[in-house]
N, C-alpha and C. Protein backbone atom coordinates (compact mmCIF):
# COMPACT_ATOMS: atom_id res chain seq x y z
N MET A 1 18.85 4.38 -6.81
CA MET A 1 17.95 2.91 -6.47
C MET A 1 16.96 3.30 -6.09
N THR A 2 15.37 3.03 -6.11
CA THR A 2 14.55 2.77 -5.11
C THR A 2 14.56 1.18 -5.18
N PRO A 3 13.84 1.63 -3.46
CA PRO A 3 14.60 -0.20 -2.55
C PRO A 3 13.74 -1.57 -3.96
N THR A 4 12.40 -0.48 -4.27
CA THR A 4 11.52 -1.45 -6.20
C THR A 4 12.71 -2.45 -6.66
N LEU A 5 13.54 -1.72 -7.45
CA LEU A 5 14.30 -1.92 -7.93
C LEU A 5 16.26 -2.36 -7.11
N ALA A 6 15.74 -2.52 -6.43
CA ALA A 6 16.80 -3.16 -5.61
C ALA A 6 17.93 -4.69 -6.19
N PHE A 7 16.81 -4.61 -6.60
CA PHE A 7 17.09 -6.50 -6.98
C PHE A 7 17.79 -7.00 -8.28
N ILE A 8 17.47 -6.27 -9.41
CA ILE A 8 17.77 -5.73 -10.89
C ILE A 8 19.53 -4.92 -10.39
N SER A 9 19.48 -4.39 -9.58
CA SER A 9 21.13 -2.94 -9.51
C SER A 9 22.35 -3.85 -10.42
N GLY A 10 23.03 -4.92 -9.90
CA GLY A 10 23.39 -5.96 -10.52
C GLY A 10 23.86 -6.21 -12.09
N LEU A 11 22.56 -5.89 -12.55
CA LEU A 11 22.15 -6.40 -14.02
C LEU A 11 23.30 -6.07 -15.36
N GLY A 12 23.83 -6.63 -16.03
CA GLY A 12 24.45 -5.34 -17.04
C GLY A 12 23.16 -5.05 -18.65
N PRO A 13 24.17 -4.93 -19.82
CA PRO A 13 23.40 -4.56 -20.55
C PRO A 13 22.75 -6.12 -20.63
N TRP A 14 24.32 -6.56 -20.96
CA TRP A 14 24.06 -7.87 -21.33
C TRP A 14 23.28 -8.66 -21.06
N GLU A 15 22.52 -8.88 -19.44
CA GLU A 15 22.30 -8.89 -19.46
C GLU A 15 20.40 -9.19 -19.18
N ILE A 16 20.21 -7.75 -19.20
CA ILE A 16 18.63 -7.36 -19.56
C ILE A 16 18.35 -7.70 -20.92
N GLY A 17 19.21 -7.32 -21.47
CA GLY A 17 19.52 -8.42 -23.65
C GLY A 17 18.53 -9.46 -23.25
N ALA A 18 19.57 -10.30 -22.75
CA ALA A 18 19.20 -11.92 -22.64
C ALA A 18 17.71 -11.93 -22.05
N ILE A 19 17.26 -11.28 -20.67
CA ILE A 19 15.56 -11.04 -20.50
C ILE A 19 14.51 -11.01 -21.42
N LEU A 20 15.27 -9.40 -21.98
CA LEU A 20 14.33 -9.29 -22.41
C LEU A 20 14.62 -10.35 -23.99
N LEU A 21 14.89 -11.06 -24.71
CA LEU A 21 15.32 -11.44 -25.27
C LEU A 21 14.03 -12.83 -24.86
N VAL A 22 13.89 -13.56 -24.15
CA VAL A 22 13.24 -14.76 -23.43
C VAL A 22 11.66 -13.80 -23.24
N ALA A 23 11.84 -13.06 -23.10
CA ALA A 23 10.70 -12.52 -22.73
C ALA A 23 10.14 -12.76 -24.04
N LEU A 24 10.69 -11.93 -25.61
CA LEU A 24 9.93 -12.19 -27.14
C LEU A 24 9.80 -13.73 -26.73
N LEU A 25 11.04 -14.12 -26.73
CA LEU A 25 10.57 -15.48 -26.89
C LEU A 25 8.55 -16.15 -26.40
N PHE A 26 8.87 -15.98 -24.67
CA PHE A 26 7.90 -16.64 -24.02
C PHE A 26 6.33 -16.13 -24.59
N PHE A 27 6.79 -15.26 -24.78
CA PHE A 27 5.24 -14.37 -25.38
C PHE A 27 5.05 -13.33 -26.47
N GLY A 28 6.11 -13.48 -27.32
CA GLY A 28 6.11 -13.14 -28.76
C GLY A 28 4.63 -12.44 -29.55
N GLY A 29 3.86 -12.65 -29.83
CA GLY A 29 3.36 -10.66 -30.51
C GLY A 29 2.12 -10.36 -29.82
N ARG A 30 2.45 -11.12 -28.35
CA ARG A 30 0.96 -11.11 -27.44
C ARG A 30 2.31 -9.49 -25.93
N LEU A 31 3.38 -9.61 -26.10
CA LEU A 31 4.16 -9.38 -25.22
C LEU A 31 3.77 -7.76 -24.86
N PRO A 32 3.41 -6.68 -25.93
CA PRO A 32 2.68 -5.31 -25.62
C PRO A 32 1.49 -6.01 -24.52
N GLU A 33 0.17 -6.30 -25.32
CA GLU A 33 -1.04 -6.92 -24.58
C GLU A 33 0.45 -7.49 -22.57
N VAL A 34 0.73 -8.69 -22.82
CA VAL A 34 1.23 -8.71 -21.46
C VAL A 34 2.17 -6.64 -20.86
N GLY A 35 2.76 -6.47 -21.57
CA GLY A 35 2.77 -5.43 -20.99
C GLY A 35 1.74 -4.52 -20.42
N ARG A 36 0.55 -4.09 -21.09
CA ARG A 36 -0.64 -3.37 -20.71
C ARG A 36 -1.34 -3.65 -19.80
N SER A 37 -1.19 -4.67 -19.44
CA SER A 37 -2.49 -5.65 -18.12
C SER A 37 -1.29 -5.96 -16.82
N LEU A 38 0.25 -5.97 -16.95
CA LEU A 38 0.84 -5.51 -15.72
C LEU A 38 0.11 -4.68 -15.22
N GLY A 39 -0.03 -3.38 -16.59
CA GLY A 39 -0.36 -1.55 -15.95
C GLY A 39 -0.84 -1.65 -15.55
N ARG A 40 -1.41 -1.84 -16.50
CA ARG A 40 -2.85 -2.39 -14.91
C ARG A 40 -3.32 -2.52 -13.83
N GLY A 41 -2.34 -3.53 -13.93
CA GLY A 41 -1.98 -4.28 -12.01
C GLY A 41 -1.80 -3.60 -11.94
N ILE A 42 -0.80 -3.19 -11.92
CA ILE A 42 -0.47 -1.88 -11.06
C ILE A 42 -0.70 -1.12 -10.42
N VAL A 43 -1.41 -0.14 -11.91
CA VAL A 43 -2.27 0.23 -11.17
C VAL A 43 -3.49 0.14 -10.64
N GLU A 44 -4.22 -0.89 -10.52
CA GLU A 44 -4.60 -1.19 -9.69
C GLU A 44 -4.63 -1.08 -7.98
N PHE A 45 -3.29 -1.89 -8.37
CA PHE A 45 -2.97 -2.32 -7.14
C PHE A 45 -2.37 -0.72 -6.33
N LYS A 46 -1.48 0.38 -6.15
CA LYS A 46 -1.42 1.50 -5.93
C LYS A 46 -2.58 2.09 -5.90
N ARG A 47 -3.74 1.55 -6.41
CA ARG A 47 -4.83 2.69 -6.19
C ARG A 47 -5.57 2.09 -4.82
N GLY A 48 -5.39 0.50 -4.16
CA GLY A 48 -6.22 -0.22 -3.96
C GLY A 48 -5.72 0.05 -2.31
N ILE A 49 -3.82 0.43 -2.84
CA ILE A 49 -3.20 1.06 -1.76
C ILE A 49 -4.00 2.61 -0.92
N ARG A 50 -3.98 3.71 -1.52
CA ARG A 50 -4.36 4.91 -1.68
C ARG A 50 -5.14 5.12 -0.87
N GLY A 51 -6.47 4.07 -1.80
CA GLY A 51 -6.85 4.25 -0.69
C GLY A 51 -7.10 3.56 0.70
N ILE A 52 -6.49 1.89 1.15
CA ILE A 52 -6.90 1.43 2.57
C ILE A 52 -5.69 3.19 2.93
N ASN A 53 -4.59 3.82 2.77
CA ASN A 53 -4.22 5.38 3.58
C ASN A 53 -5.03 5.34 3.83
N ASP A 54 -5.79 6.26 2.13
CA ASP A 54 -7.10 7.89 2.90
C ASP A 54 -8.00 6.42 4.77
N GLU A 55 -8.51 5.11 3.81
CA GLU A 55 -9.12 5.49 5.40
C GLU A 55 -8.93 4.96 7.06
N ILE A 56 -7.24 5.16 6.66
CA ILE A 56 -6.21 4.83 8.37
C ILE A 56 -6.15 6.39 8.57
N ASP A 57 -5.72 7.47 7.69
CA ASP A 57 -5.19 8.56 7.33
C ASP A 57 -7.00 9.50 8.10
N ASP A 58 -7.95 9.73 7.83
CA ASP A 58 -9.41 9.41 7.96
C ASP A 58 -10.08 8.78 9.53
N ALA A 59 -9.33 7.35 9.54
CA ALA A 59 -9.86 7.38 10.90
C ALA A 59 -8.68 7.50 12.28
N SER A 60 -7.61 7.88 11.66
CA SER A 60 -7.06 8.52 12.84
C SER A 60 -7.17 10.42 13.42
N ASP A 61 -7.55 10.87 12.19
CA ASP A 61 -8.49 12.42 12.62
C ASP A 61 -9.26 12.38 13.19
N GLN A 62 -10.25 11.00 13.28
CA GLN A 62 -11.34 11.30 14.16
C GLN A 62 -11.40 11.12 15.53
N PRO A 63 -11.85 11.73 16.94
CA PRO A 63 -11.38 11.48 17.87
C PRO A 63 -12.34 10.48 17.95
N ASP A 64 -11.82 9.38 19.50
CA ASP A 64 -11.94 8.37 19.89
C ASP A 64 -13.01 8.81 20.76
N HIS A 65 -14.47 8.02 20.43
CA HIS A 65 -15.12 8.98 22.15
C HIS A 65 -15.01 7.04 22.31
N ARG A 66 -14.52 6.23 22.78
CA ARG A 66 -14.46 4.69 23.58
C ARG A 66 -13.71 5.42 24.47
N LEU A 67 -13.22 6.32 24.58
CA LEU A 67 -11.90 6.24 25.71
C LEU A 67 -12.69 7.45 25.72
N LYS A 68 -11.97 6.84 27.43
CA LYS A 68 -13.03 8.82 28.91
C LYS A 68 -12.15 8.19 29.62
N ASP A 69 -11.78 9.14 30.21
CA ASP A 69 -11.60 9.27 31.57
C ASP A 69 -11.97 8.17 32.72
N PRO A 70 -10.96 7.33 33.26
CA PRO A 70 -11.22 5.87 34.18
C PRO A 70 -11.51 6.75 35.51
N ARG A 71 -11.92 8.01 35.21
CA ARG A 71 -10.98 8.43 36.88
C ARG A 71 -12.62 8.82 37.05
N LYS A 72 -13.68 9.01 36.56
CA LYS A 72 -15.26 9.89 36.19
C LYS A 72 -15.49 9.32 36.26
N SER A 73 -15.81 8.18 36.25
CA SER A 73 -17.39 6.70 36.54
C SER A 73 -18.25 7.78 36.36
N ARG A 74 -19.85 6.91 35.94
CA ARG A 74 -20.17 7.37 36.70
C ARG A 74 -21.27 6.28 37.60
N ASP A 75 -20.79 5.66 37.38
CA ASP A 75 -21.33 4.24 38.55
C ASP A 75 -20.94 5.05 39.34
N ASN A 76 -20.41 5.48 40.41
CA ASN A 76 -19.73 5.53 41.75
C ASN A 76 -19.38 7.61 41.50
N PRO A 77 -20.96 8.03 42.81
CA PRO A 77 -21.45 8.88 43.27
C PRO A 77 -19.97 9.95 43.54
N ASP A 78 -19.26 9.50 44.31
CA ASP A 78 -17.76 10.00 44.77
C ASP A 78 -16.73 9.90 42.94
N ASP A 79 -16.77 10.06 42.17
CA ASP A 79 -16.09 9.73 41.37
C ASP A 79 -16.59 11.12 40.06
N ARG A 80 -17.71 11.68 41.30
CA ARG A 80 -17.96 12.38 40.49
C ARG A 80 -17.51 13.94 40.30
N ASP A 81 -17.69 14.87 39.40
CA ASP A 81 -16.55 16.02 39.65
C ASP A 81 -18.78 16.68 39.74
N SER A 82 -18.35 18.29 40.73
CA SER A 82 -19.61 18.27 41.73
C SER A 82 -19.34 20.57 40.94
N ASP A 83 -19.93 20.37 39.58
CA ASP A 83 -21.38 21.32 38.73
C ASP A 83 -22.02 21.69 39.39
């Protein structure tokens, strides 16, 4: 069972049927529309998470030019390499 569905692992067929009946009473004929909207929201959320992960991966692949060797400073001529 996936971790996202772990909270419904103890539900039996009667409990699931009761939940579906309550959903049908609340939403009635709009239930397909509500399902579509929920599906679109989930897809958009996953797309946003994927975009964030791609940005993090791209940033981690690029070298960080700000990190320099502190032993080699330009201010102190004694620390420079003699090339």
